[in-house]
PDB file of N, CA and C in Angstrom:
ATOM      1  N   ASN A   1      89.687  87.486  74.596  1.00  0.00           N
ATOM      2  CA  ASN A   1      90.343  86.208  74.463  1.00  0.00           C
ATOM      3  C   ASN A   1      89.684  85.240  75.445  1.00  0.00           C
ATOM      4  N   ALA A   2      89.109  84.194  74.963  1.00  0.00           N
ATOM      5  CA  ALA A   2      88.401  83.221  75.797  1.00  0.00           C
ATOM      6  C   ALA A   2      89.335  82.505  76.770  1.00  0.00           C
ATOM      7  N   ASP A   3      90.620  82.402  76.441  1.00  0.00           N
ATOM      8  CA  ASP A   3      91.573  81.731  77.335  1.00  0.00           C
ATOM      9  C   ASP A   3      91.802  82.508  78.628  1.00  0.00           C
ATOM     10  N   LEU A   4      91.463  83.788  78.645  1.00  0.00           N
ATOM     11  CA  LEU A   4      91.707  84.631  79.818  1.00  0.00           C
ATOM     12  C   LEU A   4      90.507  84.711  80.759  1.00  0.00           C
ATOM     13  N   ASN A   5      89.400  84.095  80.395  1.00  0.00           N
ATOM     14  CA  ASN A   5      88.221  84.125  81.264  1.00  0.00           C
ATOM     15  C   ASN A   5      88.550  83.521  82.624  1.00  0.00           C
ATOM     16  N   GLY A   6      88.151  84.220  83.692  1.00  0.00           N
ATOM     17  CA  GLY A   6      88.415  83.744  85.048  1.00  0.00           C
ATOM     18  C   GLY A   6      89.725  84.233  85.620  1.00  0.00           C
ATOM     19  N   ASN A   7      90.576  84.870  84.803  1.00  0.00           N
ATOM     20  CA  ASN A   7      91.842  85.403  85.316  1.00  0.00           C
ATOM     21  C   ASN A   7      91.605  86.729  86.029  1.00  0.00           C
ATOM     22  N   ASN A   8      92.515  87.065  86.937  1.00  0.00           N
ATOM     23  CA  ASN A   8      92.459  88.358  87.615  1.00  0.00           C
ATOM     24  C   ASN A   8      92.828  89.474  86.643  1.00  0.00           C
ATOM     25  N   ILE A   9      92.282  90.654  86.899  1.00  0.00           N
ATOM     26  CA  ILE A   9      92.624  91.827  86.105  1.00  0.00           C
ATOM     27  C   ILE A   9      94.056  92.224  86.427  1.00  0.00           C
ATOM     28  N   ARG A  10      94.788  92.657  85.421  1.00  0.00           N
ATOM     29  CA  ARG A  10      96.188  93.058  85.598  1.00  0.00           C
ATOM     30  C   ARG A  10      96.313  94.121  86.700  1.00  0.00           C
ATOM     31  N   TYR A  11      97.241  93.909  87.642  1.00  0.00           N
ATOM     32  CA  TYR A  11      97.587  94.785  88.759  1.00  0.00           C
ATOM     33  C   TYR A  11      96.481  94.938  89.814  1.00  0.00           C
ATOM     34  N   LYS A  12      95.360  94.287  89.666  1.00  0.00           N
ATOM     35  CA  LYS A  12      94.325  94.342  90.701  1.00  0.00           C
ATOM     36  C   LYS A  12      94.643  93.268  91.737  1.00  0.00           C
ATOM     37  N   PRO A  13      94.807  93.658  93.019  1.00  0.00           N
ATOM     38  CA  PRO A  13      95.181  92.669  94.035  1.00  0.00           C
ATOM     39  C   PRO A  13      94.058  91.658  94.283  1.00  0.00           C
ATOM     40  N   VAL A  14      94.463  90.468  94.636  1.00  0.00           N
ATOM     41  CA  VAL A  14      93.497  89.424  94.980  1.00  0.00           C
ATOM     42  C   VAL A  14      92.759  89.826  96.263  1.00  0.00           C
ATOM     43  N   HIS A  15      93.497  90.346  97.255  1.00  0.00           N
ATOM     44  CA  HIS A  15      92.925  90.824  98.508  1.00  0.00           C
ATOM     45  C   HIS A  15      93.549  92.173  98.854  1.00  0.00           C
ATOM     46  N   SER A  16      92.786  93.008  99.530  1.00  0.00           N
ATOM     47  CA  SER A  16      93.349  94.256 100.056  1.00  0.00           C
ATOM     48  C   SER A  16      92.586  94.654 101.315  1.00  0.00           C
ATOM     49  N   ILE A  17      93.318  95.242 102.250  1.00  0.00           N
ATOM     50  CA  ILE A  17      92.745  95.694 103.518  1.00  0.00           C
ATOM     51  C   ILE A  17      93.320  97.075 103.804  1.00  0.00           C
ATOM     52  N   LYS A  18      92.456  97.975 104.201  1.00  0.00           N
ATOM     53  CA  LYS A  18      92.904  99.308 104.593  1.00  0.00           C
ATOM     54  C   LYS A  18      92.170  99.672 105.877  1.00  0.00           C
ATOM     55  N   SER A  19      92.930 100.086 106.896  1.00  0.00           N
ATOM     56  CA  SER A  19      92.299 100.476 108.152  1.00  0.00           C
ATOM     57  C   SER A  19      93.002 101.705 108.721  1.00  0.00           C
ATOM     58  N   ASN A  20      92.237 102.485 109.460  1.00  0.00           N
ATOM     59  CA  ASN A  20      92.737 103.721 110.063  1.00  0.00           C
ATOM     60  C   ASN A  20      92.267 103.785 111.511  1.00  0.00           C
ATOM     61  N   LEU A  21      93.136 104.282 112.360  1.00  0.00           N
ATOM     62  CA  LEU A  21      92.791 104.525 113.748  1.00  0.00           C
ATOM     63  C   LEU A  21      93.296 105.914 114.088  1.00  0.00           C
ATOM     64  N   MET A  22      92.393 106.783 114.586  1.00  0.00           N
ATOM     65  CA  MET A  22      92.796 108.163 114.849  1.00  0.00           C
ATOM     66  C   MET A  22      92.201 108.629 116.180  1.00  0.00           C
ATOM     67  N   PHE A  23      92.998 109.395 116.906  1.00  0.00           N
ATOM     68  CA  PHE A  23      92.564 110.038 118.135  1.00  0.00           C
ATOM     69  C   PHE A  23      92.724 111.537 117.937  1.00  0.00           C
ATOM     70  N   GLU A  24      91.656 112.279 118.228  1.00  0.00           N
ATOM     71  CA  GLU A  24      91.718 113.733 118.024  1.00  0.00           C
ATOM     72  C   GLU A  24      91.264 114.449 119.290  1.00  0.00           C
ATOM     73  N   ASP A  25      91.971 115.508 119.616  1.00  0.00           N
ATOM     74  CA  ASP A  25      91.700 116.332 120.785  1.00  0.00           C
ATOM     75  C   ASP A  25      91.692 117.786 120.325  1.00  0.00           C
ATOM     76  N   ASN A  26      91.432 118.707 121.236  1.00  0.00           N
ATOM     77  CA  ASN A  26      91.457 120.135 120.873  1.00  0.00           C
ATOM     78  C   ASN A  26      92.848 120.620 120.484  1.00  0.00           C
ATOM     79  N   TYR A  27      93.893 120.002 121.059  1.00  0.00           N
ATOM     80  CA  TYR A  27      95.241 120.520 120.850  1.00  0.00           C
ATOM     81  C   TYR A  27      96.164 119.578 120.085  1.00  0.00           C
ATOM     82  N   PHE A  28      95.748 118.355 119.851  1.00  0.00           N
ATOM     83  CA  PHE A  28      96.589 117.455 119.054  1.00  0.00           C
ATOM     84  C   PHE A  28      95.736 116.332 118.471  1.00  0.00           C
ATOM     85  N   ASN A  29      96.271 115.675 117.484  1.00  0.00           N
ATOM     86  CA  ASN A  29      95.675 114.436 117.005  1.00  0.00           C
ATOM     87  C   ASN A  29      96.792 113.518 116.540  1.00  0.00           C
ATOM     88  N   MET A  30      96.500 112.250 116.561  1.00  0.00           N
ATOM     89  CA  MET A  30      97.478 111.258 116.155  1.00  0.00           C
ATOM     90  C   MET A  30      96.734 110.070 115.561  1.00  0.00           C
ATOM     91  N   GLY A  31      97.428 109.330 114.735  1.00  0.00           N
ATOM     92  CA  GLY A  31      96.766 108.199 114.117  1.00  0.00           C
ATOM     93  C   GLY A  31      97.748 107.249 113.468  1.00  0.00           C
ATOM     94  N   ILE A  32      97.212 106.103 113.091  1.00  0.00           N
ATOM     95  CA  ILE A  32      98.006 105.093 112.428  1.00  0.00           C
ATOM     96  C   ILE A  32      97.160 104.522 111.290  1.00  0.00           C
ATOM     97  N   ASN A  33      97.792 104.275 110.157  1.00  0.00           N
ATOM     98  CA  ASN A  33      97.126 103.727 108.978  1.00  0.00           C
ATOM     99  C   ASN A  33      97.805 102.417 108.607  1.00  0.00           C
ATOM    100  N   TYR A  34      97.004 101.432 108.254  1.00  0.00           N
ATOM    101  CA  TYR A  34      97.525 100.130 107.842  1.00  0.00           C
ATOM    102  C   TYR A  34      96.970  99.802 106.463  1.00  0.00           C
ATOM    103  N   LEU A  35      97.838  99.304 105.587  1.00  0.00           N
ATOM    104  CA  LEU A  35      97.435  98.911 104.238  1.00  0.00           C
ATOM    105  C   LEU A  35      98.050  97.562 103.911  1.00  0.00           C
ATOM    106  N   TYR A  36      97.204  96.626 103.506  1.00  0.00           N
ATOM    107  CA  TYR A  36      97.673  95.325 103.021  1.00  0.00           C
ATOM    108  C   TYR A  36      97.221  95.198 101.571  1.00  0.00           C
ATOM    109  N   VAL A  37      98.147  94.872 100.702  1.00  0.00           N
ATOM    110  CA  VAL A  37      97.846  94.636  99.295  1.00  0.00           C
ATOM    111  C   VAL A  37      98.314  93.226  98.972  1.00  0.00           C
ATOM    112  N   GLY A  38      97.384  92.390  98.542  1.00  0.00           N
ATOM    113  CA  GLY A  38      97.704  91.000  98.221  1.00  0.00           C
ATOM    114  C   GLY A  38      98.455  90.875  96.912  1.00  0.00           C
ATOM    115  N   LYS A  39      98.756  89.644  96.563  1.00  0.00           N
ATOM    116  CA  LYS A  39      99.509  89.407  95.323  1.00  0.00           C
ATOM    117  C   LYS A  39      98.745  89.955  94.123  1.00  0.00           C
ATOM    118  N   ARG A  40      99.502  90.393  93.134  1.00  0.00           N
ATOM    119  CA  ARG A  40      98.945  90.942  91.906  1.00  0.00           C
ATOM    120  C   ARG A  40      99.690  90.353  90.724  1.00  0.00           C
ATOM    121  N   PHE A  41      99.013  90.290  89.612  1.00  0.00           N
ATOM    122  CA  PHE A  41      99.636  89.803  88.396  1.00  0.00           C
ATOM    123  C   PHE A  41      99.857  90.977  87.454  1.00  0.00           C
ATOM    124  N   SER A  42     101.007  91.006  86.793  1.00  0.00           N
ATOM    125  CA  SER A  42     101.324  92.110  85.893  1.00  0.00           C
ATOM    126  C   SER A  42     101.107  91.742  84.432  1.00  0.00           C
ATOM    127  N   ASP A  43     100.465  90.607  84.191  1.00  0.00           N
ATOM    128  CA  ASP A  43     100.151  90.220  82.812  1.00  0.00           C
ATOM    129  C   ASP A  43      98.742  89.632  82.772  1.00  0.00           C
ATOM    130  N   ASP A  44      98.154  89.590  81.615  1.00  0.00           N
ATOM    131  CA  ASP A  44      96.787  89.103  81.473  1.00  0.00           C
ATOM    132  C   ASP A  44      96.658  87.601  81.695  1.00  0.00           C
ATOM    133  N   GLU A  45      97.742  86.849  81.485  1.00  0.00           N
ATOM    134  CA  GLU A  45      97.694  85.397  81.619  1.00  0.00           C
ATOM    135  C   GLU A  45      97.827  84.927  83.065  1.00  0.00           C
ATOM    136  N   ASN A  46      98.076  85.844  84.006  1.00  0.00           N
ATOM    137  CA  ASN A  46      98.270  85.524  85.431  1.00  0.00           C
ATOM    138  C   ASN A  46      99.424  84.563  85.646  1.00  0.00           C
ATOM    139  N   SER A  47     100.517  84.808  84.968  1.00  0.00           N
ATOM    140  CA  SER A  47     101.708  83.981  85.090  1.00  0.00           C
ATOM    141  C   SER A  47     102.390  84.261  86.432  1.00  0.00           C
ATOM    142  N   THR A  48     102.742  83.211  87.155  1.00  0.00           N
ATOM    143  CA  THR A  48     103.414  83.399  88.446  1.00  0.00           C
ATOM    144  C   THR A  48     104.805  84.007  88.277  1.00  0.00           C
ATOM    145  N   ALA A  49     105.385  83.902  87.089  1.00  0.00           N
ATOM    146  CA  ALA A  49     106.697  84.510  86.841  1.00  0.00           C
ATOM    147  C   ALA A  49     106.607  86.033  86.887  1.00  0.00           C
ATOM    148  N   PHE A  50     105.436  86.584  86.585  1.00  0.00           N
ATOM    149  CA  PHE A  50     105.251  88.042  86.585  1.00  0.00           C
ATOM    150  C   PHE A  50     104.352  88.511  87.720  1.00  0.00           C
ATOM    151  N   GLN A  51     104.244  87.689  88.746  1.00  0.00           N
ATOM    152  CA  GLN A  51     103.420  88.021  89.902  1.00  0.00           C
ATOM    153  C   GLN A  51     104.169  88.970  90.826  1.00  0.00           C
ATOM    154  N   LEU A  52     103.496  89.996  91.305  1.00  0.00           N
ATOM    155  CA  LEU A  52     104.077  90.913  92.291  1.00  0.00           C
ATOM    156  C   LEU A  52     103.677  90.418  93.679  1.00  0.00           C
ATOM    157  N   PRO A  53     104.615  90.372  94.623  1.00  0.00           N
ATOM    158  CA  PRO A  53     104.303  89.834  95.950  1.00  0.00           C
ATOM    159  C   PRO A  53     103.412  90.775  96.771  1.00  0.00           C
ATOM    160  N   ALA A  54     102.744  90.202  97.737  1.00  0.00           N
ATOM    161  CA  ALA A  54     101.914  90.979  98.663  1.00  0.00           C
ATOM    162  C   ALA A  54     102.806  91.821  99.573  1.00  0.00           C
ATOM    163  N   TYR A  55     102.248  92.910 100.102  1.00  0.00           N
ATOM    164  CA  TYR A  55     102.999  93.743 101.043  1.00  0.00           C
ATOM    165  C   TYR A  55     102.048  94.420 102.009  1.00  0.00           C
ATOM    166  N   SER A  56     102.594  94.843 103.144  1.00  0.00           N
ATOM    167  CA  SER A  56     101.854  95.596 104.155  1.00  0.00           C
ATOM    168  C   SER A  56     102.611  96.869 104.470  1.00  0.00           C
ATOM    169  N   LEU A  57     101.889  97.953 104.616  1.00  0.00           N
ATOM    170  CA  LEU A  57     102.489  99.239 104.980  1.00  0.00           C
ATOM    171  C   LEU A  57     101.811  99.782 106.232  1.00  0.00           C
ATOM    172  N   VAL A  58     102.604 100.395 107.101  1.00  0.00           N
ATOM    173  CA  VAL A  58     102.078 101.060 108.286  1.00  0.00           C
ATOM    174  C   VAL A  58     102.607 102.489 108.278  1.00  0.00           C
ATOM    175  N   ASP A  59     101.697 103.454 108.340  1.00  0.00           N
ATOM    176  CA  ASP A  59     102.039 104.873 108.400  1.00  0.00           C
ATOM    177  C   ASP A  59     101.512 105.430 109.721  1.00  0.00           C
ATOM    178  N   MET A  60     102.190 106.454 110.226  1.00  0.00           N
ATOM    179  CA  MET A  60     101.795 107.059 111.486  1.00  0.00           C
ATOM    180  C   MET A  60     101.895 108.571 111.364  1.00  0.00           C
ATOM    181  N   PHE A  61     101.027 109.297 112.050  1.00  0.00           N
ATOM    182  CA  PHE A  61     101.118 110.755 112.038  1.00  0.00           C
ATOM    183  C   PHE A  61     100.799 111.324 113.412  1.00  0.00           C
ATOM    184  N   PHE A  62     101.332 112.504 113.650  1.00  0.00           N
ATOM    185  CA  PHE A  62     101.094 113.233 114.889  1.00  0.00           C
ATOM    186  C   PHE A  62     100.974 114.708 114.534  1.00  0.00           C
ATOM    187  N   ALA A  63      99.966 115.378 115.070  1.00  0.00           N
ATOM    188  CA  ALA A  63      99.749 116.793 114.762  1.00  0.00           C
ATOM    189  C   ALA A  63      99.493 117.569 116.047  1.00  0.00           C
ATOM    190  N   VAL A  64     100.062 118.749 116.101  1.00  0.00           N
ATOM    191  CA  VAL A  64      99.848 119.666 117.220  1.00  0.00           C
ATOM    192  C   VAL A  64      99.070 120.857 116.682  1.00  0.00           C
ATOM    193  N   LYS A  65      97.973 121.184 117.357  1.00  0.00           N
ATOM    194  CA  LYS A  65      97.123 122.303 116.944  1.00  0.00           C
ATOM    195  C   LYS A  65      97.382 123.493 117.855  1.00  0.00           C
ATOM    196  N   ILE A  66      97.532 124.645 117.251  1.00  0.00           N
ATOM    197  CA  ILE A  66      97.761 125.875 118.007  1.00  0.00           C
ATOM    198  C   ILE A  66      96.635 126.839 117.631  1.00  0.00           C
ATOM    199  N   PRO A  67      95.563 126.837 118.413  1.00  0.00           N
ATOM    200  CA  PRO A  67      94.436 127.709 118.082  1.00  0.00           C
ATOM    201  C   PRO A  67      94.732 129.162 118.454  1.00  0.00           C
ATOM    202  N   SER A  68      94.189 130.065 117.696  1.00  0.00           N
ATOM    203  CA  SER A  68      94.258 131.483 118.016  1.00  0.00           C
ATOM    204  C   SER A  68      92.979 132.136 117.511  1.00  0.00           C
ATOM    205  N   LYS A  69      92.849 133.404 117.733  1.00  0.00           N
ATOM    206  CA  LYS A  69      91.609 134.087 117.384  1.00  0.00           C
ATOM    207  C   LYS A  69      91.383 134.140 115.870  1.00  0.00           C
ATOM    208  N   TYR A  70      92.441 134.371 115.080  1.00  0.00           N
ATOM    209  CA  TYR A  70      92.262 134.561 113.643  1.00  0.00           C
ATOM    210  C   TYR A  70      92.923 133.485 112.776  1.00  0.00           C
ATOM    211  N   ILE A  71      94.007 132.897 113.264  1.00  0.00           N
ATOM    212  CA  ILE A  71      94.712 131.894 112.456  1.00  0.00           C
ATOM    213  C   ILE A  71      94.886 130.617 113.279  1.00  0.00           C
ATOM    214  N   HIS A  72      94.335 129.548 112.762  1.00  0.00           N
ATOM    215  CA  HIS A  72      94.493 128.235 113.385  1.00  0.00           C
ATOM    216  C   HIS A  72      95.712 127.580 112.744  1.00  0.00           C
ATOM    217  N   THR A  73      96.693 127.191 113.556  1.00  0.00           N
ATOM    218  CA  THR A  73      97.930 126.599 113.056  1.00  0.00           C
ATOM    219  C   THR A  73      97.986 125.127 113.451  1.00  0.00           C
ATOM    220  N   GLU A  74      98.450 124.307 112.509  1.00  0.00           N
ATOM    221  CA  GLU A  74      98.600 122.887 112.787  1.00  0.00           C
ATOM    222  C   GLU A  74      99.942 122.420 112.232  1.00  0.00           C
ATOM    223  N   LEU A  75     100.763 121.849 113.106  1.00  0.00           N
ATOM    224  CA  LEU A  75     102.051 121.271 112.716  1.00  0.00           C
ATOM    225  C   LEU A  75     101.888 119.754 112.658  1.00  0.00           C
ATOM    226  N   VAL A  76     102.223 119.164 111.515  1.00  0.00           N
ATOM    227  CA  VAL A  76     101.983 117.742 111.300  1.00  0.00           C
ATOM    228  C   VAL A  76     103.295 117.041 110.947  1.00  0.00           C
ATOM    229  N   VAL A  77     103.534 115.900 111.583  1.00  0.00           N
ATOM    230  CA  VAL A  77     104.675 115.044 111.260  1.00  0.00           C
ATOM    231  C   VAL A  77     104.121 113.673 110.870  1.00  0.00           C
ATOM    232  N   LYS A  78     104.506 113.199 109.694  1.00  0.00           N
ATOM    233  CA  LYS A  78     104.062 111.888 109.221  1.00  0.00           C
ATOM    234  C   LYS A  78     105.267 110.988 109.002  1.00  0.00           C
ATOM    235  N   LEU A  79     105.125 109.756 109.407  1.00  0.00           N
ATOM    236  CA  LEU A  79     106.140 108.733 109.162  1.00  0.00           C
ATOM    237  C   LEU A  79     105.486 107.687 108.276  1.00  0.00           C
ATOM    238  N   ASN A  80     105.904 107.618 107.032  1.00  0.00           N
ATOM    239  CA  ASN A  80     105.342 106.684 106.060  1.00  0.00           C
ATOM    240  C   ASN A  80     106.238 105.463 105.922  1.00  0.00           C
ATOM    241  N   ASN A  81     105.617 104.298 105.755  1.00  0.00           N
ATOM    242  CA  ASN A  81     106.325 103.032 105.581  1.00  0.00           C
ATOM    243  C   ASN A  81     107.267 102.780 106.768  1.00  0.00           C
ATOM    244  N   MET A  82     106.704 102.725 107.954  1.00  0.00           N
ATOM    245  CA  MET A  82     107.489 102.591 109.185  1.00  0.00           C
ATOM    246  C   MET A  82     108.425 101.382 109.176  1.00  0.00           C
ATOM    247  N   ALA A  83     108.001 100.284 108.585  1.00  0.00           N
ATOM    248  CA  ALA A  83     108.811  99.061 108.589  1.00  0.00           C
ATOM    249  C   ALA A  83     109.839  99.021 107.460  1.00  0.00           C
ATOM    250  N   ASN A  84     109.905 100.082 106.668  1.00  0.00           N
ATOM    251  CA  ASN A  84     110.884 100.192 105.585  1.00  0.00           C
ATOM    252  C   ASN A  84     110.740  99.041 104.564  1.00  0.00           C
ATOM    253  N   VAL A  85     109.505  98.758 104.186  1.00  0.00           N
ATOM    254  CA  VAL A  85     109.179  97.651 103.281  1.00  0.00           C
ATOM    255  C   VAL A  85     109.550  98.011 101.843  1.00  0.00           C
ATOM    256  N   ARG A  86     110.186  97.080 101.141  1.00  0.00           N
ATOM    257  CA  ARG A  86     110.450  97.237  99.708  1.00  0.00           C
ATOM    258  C   ARG A  86     109.272  96.632  98.955  1.00  0.00           C
ATOM    259  N   TYR A  87     108.640  97.446  98.089  1.00  0.00           N
ATOM    260  CA  TYR A  87     107.466  96.966  97.366  1.00  0.00           C
ATOM    261  C   TYR A  87     107.360  97.676  96.020  1.00  0.00           C
ATOM    262  N   GLU A  88     106.533  97.103  95.158  1.00  0.00           N
ATOM    263  CA  GLU A  88     106.275  97.669  93.834  1.00  0.00           C
ATOM    264  C   GLU A  88     104.773  97.687  93.595  1.00  0.00           C
ATOM    265  N   ASN A  89     104.267  98.827  93.129  1.00  0.00           N
ATOM    266  CA  ASN A  89     102.877  98.897  92.679  1.00  0.00           C
ATOM    267  C   ASN A  89     102.769  98.457  91.227  1.00  0.00           C
ATOM    268  N   LEU A  90     103.765  98.807  90.449  1.00  0.00           N
ATOM    269  CA  LEU A  90     103.891  98.396  89.054  1.00  0.00           C
ATOM    270  C   LEU A  90     105.212  97.670  88.907  1.00  0.00           C
ATOM    271  N   ARG A  91     105.261  96.713  88.033  1.00  0.00           N
ATOM    272  CA  ARG A  91     106.472  95.921  87.824  1.00  0.00           C
ATOM    273  C   ARG A  91     107.655  96.827  87.465  1.00  0.00           C
ATOM    274  N   SER A  92     108.770  96.665  88.187  1.00  0.00           N
ATOM    275  CA  SER A  92     110.036  97.388  87.980  1.00  0.00           C
ATOM    276  C   SER A  92     109.968  98.868  88.356  1.00  0.00           C
ATOM    277  N   TYR A  93     108.955  99.277  89.106  1.00  0.00           N
ATOM    278  CA  TYR A  93     108.875 100.657  89.598  1.00  0.00           C
ATOM    279  C   TYR A  93     108.852 100.618  91.124  1.00  0.00           C
ATOM    280  N   ALA A  94     110.024 100.658  91.716  1.00  0.00           N
ATOM    281  CA  ALA A  94     110.134 100.598  93.182  1.00  0.00           C
ATOM    282  C   ALA A  94     109.494 101.833  93.807  1.00  0.00           C
ATOM    283  N   GLN A  95     108.911 101.638  94.969  1.00  0.00           N
ATOM    284  CA  GLN A  95     108.268 102.723  95.699  1.00  0.00           C
ATOM    285  C   GLN A  95     109.183 103.190  96.831  1.00  0.00           C
ATOM    286  N   PRO A  96     108.919 104.364  97.396  1.00  0.00           N
ATOM    287  CA  PRO A  96     109.821 104.891  98.426  1.00  0.00           C
ATOM    288  C   PRO A  96     109.847 104.030  99.682  1.00  0.00           C
ATOM    289  N   LEU A  97     111.019 103.981 100.283  1.00  0.00           N
ATOM    290  CA  LEU A  97     111.161 103.303 101.568  1.00  0.00           C
ATOM    291  C   LEU A  97     110.643 104.239 102.652  1.00  0.00           C
ATOM    292  N   ARG A  98     111.095 104.050 103.876  1.00  0.00           N
ATOM    293  CA  ARG A  98     110.654 104.911 104.976  1.00  0.00           C
ATOM    294  C   ARG A  98     110.908 106.373 104.605  1.00  0.00           C
ATOM    295  N   ASN A  99     109.913 107.216 104.841  1.00  0.00           N
ATOM    296  CA  ASN A  99     110.077 108.639 104.556  1.00  0.00           C
ATOM    297  C   ASN A  99     109.250 109.457 105.533  1.00  0.00           C
ATOM    298  N   TYR A 100     109.626 110.708 105.644  1.00  0.00           N
ATOM    299  CA  TYR A 100     109.020 111.613 106.615  1.00  0.00           C
ATOM    300  C   TYR A 100     108.418 112.801 105.879  1.00  0.00           C
ATOM    301  N   VAL A 101     107.290 113.284 106.392  1.00  0.00           N
ATOM    302  CA  VAL A 101     106.633 114.456 105.816  1.00  0.00           C
ATOM    303  C   VAL A 101     106.347 115.420 106.962  1.00  0.00           C
ATOM    304  N   PHE A 102     106.768 116.645 106.792  1.00  0.00           N
ATOM    305  CA  PHE A 102     106.497 117.701 107.760  1.00  0.00           C
ATOM    306  C   PHE A 102     105.598 118.729 107.086  1.00  0.00           C
ATOM    307  N   SER A 103     104.492 119.084 107.762  1.00  0.00           N
ATOM    308  CA  SER A 103     103.532 120.016 107.168  1.00  0.00           C
ATOM    309  C   SER A 103     103.184 121.108 108.172  1.00  0.00           C
ATOM    310  N   LEU A 104     102.914 122.268 107.626  1.00  0.00           N
ATOM    311  CA  LEU A 104     102.406 123.391 108.399  1.00  0.00           C
ATOM    312  C   LEU A 104     101.113 123.826 107.725  1.00  0.00           C
ATOM    313  N   ILE A 105     100.005 123.761 108.462  1.00  0.00           N
ATOM    314  CA  ILE A 105      98.700 124.116 107.910  1.00  0.00           C
ATOM    315  C   ILE A 105      98.205 125.349 108.646  1.00  0.00           C
ATOM    316  N   LEU A 106      97.932 126.397 107.881  1.00  0.00           N
ATOM    317  CA  LEU A 106      97.408 127.638 108.443  1.00  0.00           C
ATOM    318  C   LEU A 106      95.999 127.846 107.922  1.00  0.00           C
ATOM    319  N   THR A 107      95.043 128.019 108.845  1.00  0.00           N
ATOM    320  CA  THR A 107      93.649 128.235 108.470  1.00  0.00           C
ATOM    321  C   THR A 107      93.229 129.587 108.993  1.00  0.00           C
ATOM    322  N   TYR A 108      92.882 130.475 108.090  1.00  0.00           N
ATOM    323  CA  TYR A 108      92.474 131.832 108.462  1.00  0.00           C
ATOM    324  C   TYR A 108      90.997 131.846 108.832  1.00  0.00           C
ATOM    325  N   LYS A 109      90.682 132.476 109.953  1.00  0.00           N
ATOM    326  CA  LYS A 109      89.295 132.638 110.368  1.00  0.00           C
ATOM    327  C   LYS A 109      88.882 134.090 110.147  1.00  0.00           C
ATOM    328  N   SER A 110      87.765 134.268 109.523  1.00  0.00           N
ATOM    329  CA  SER A 110      87.249 135.613 109.267  1.00  0.00           C
ATOM    330  C   SER A 110      86.861 136.288 110.574  1.00  0.00           C
ATOM    331  N   ILE A 111      86.911 137.588 110.603  1.00  0.00           N
ATOM    332  CA  ILE A 111      86.548 138.361 111.802  1.00  0.00           C
ATOM    333  C   ILE A 111      85.066 138.170 112.116  1.00  0.00           C
ATOM    334  N   ASP A 112      84.240 137.934 111.089  1.00  0.00           N
ATOM    335  CA  ASP A 112      82.800 137.792 111.274  1.00  0.00           C
ATOM    336  C   ASP A 112      82.415 136.537 112.050  1.00  0.00           C
ATOM    337  N   GLN A 113      83.266 135.547 112.108  1.00  0.00           N
ATOM    338  CA  GLN A 113      82.909 134.266 112.730  1.00  0.00           C
ATOM    339  C   GLN A 113      83.015 134.312 114.218  1.00  0.00           C
TER     340      GLN A 113
END
């Protein structure tokens, strides 16, 4: 459709920024992630009535490493959406608010190593 030339692609943000900062040590690591998603249009005509607003998300994680001879253990705690932002990736599909993730990672080391 020639009338749509120059319009943004549906759901593709006008601007986006993603950054990560991480500190890692032998016994722990921690980090913070930042995501900015600019305004998006949910229709081909780029109507402001169907525009999704911009949003920013900040996630944080902390991990404790417990090394051993055969099994490396890592306990991870993640805090997603720290500011409890209400946002939508797709029109009328709300995304989760602040949430927590707890992980246990076990890595087996062979005797040969």
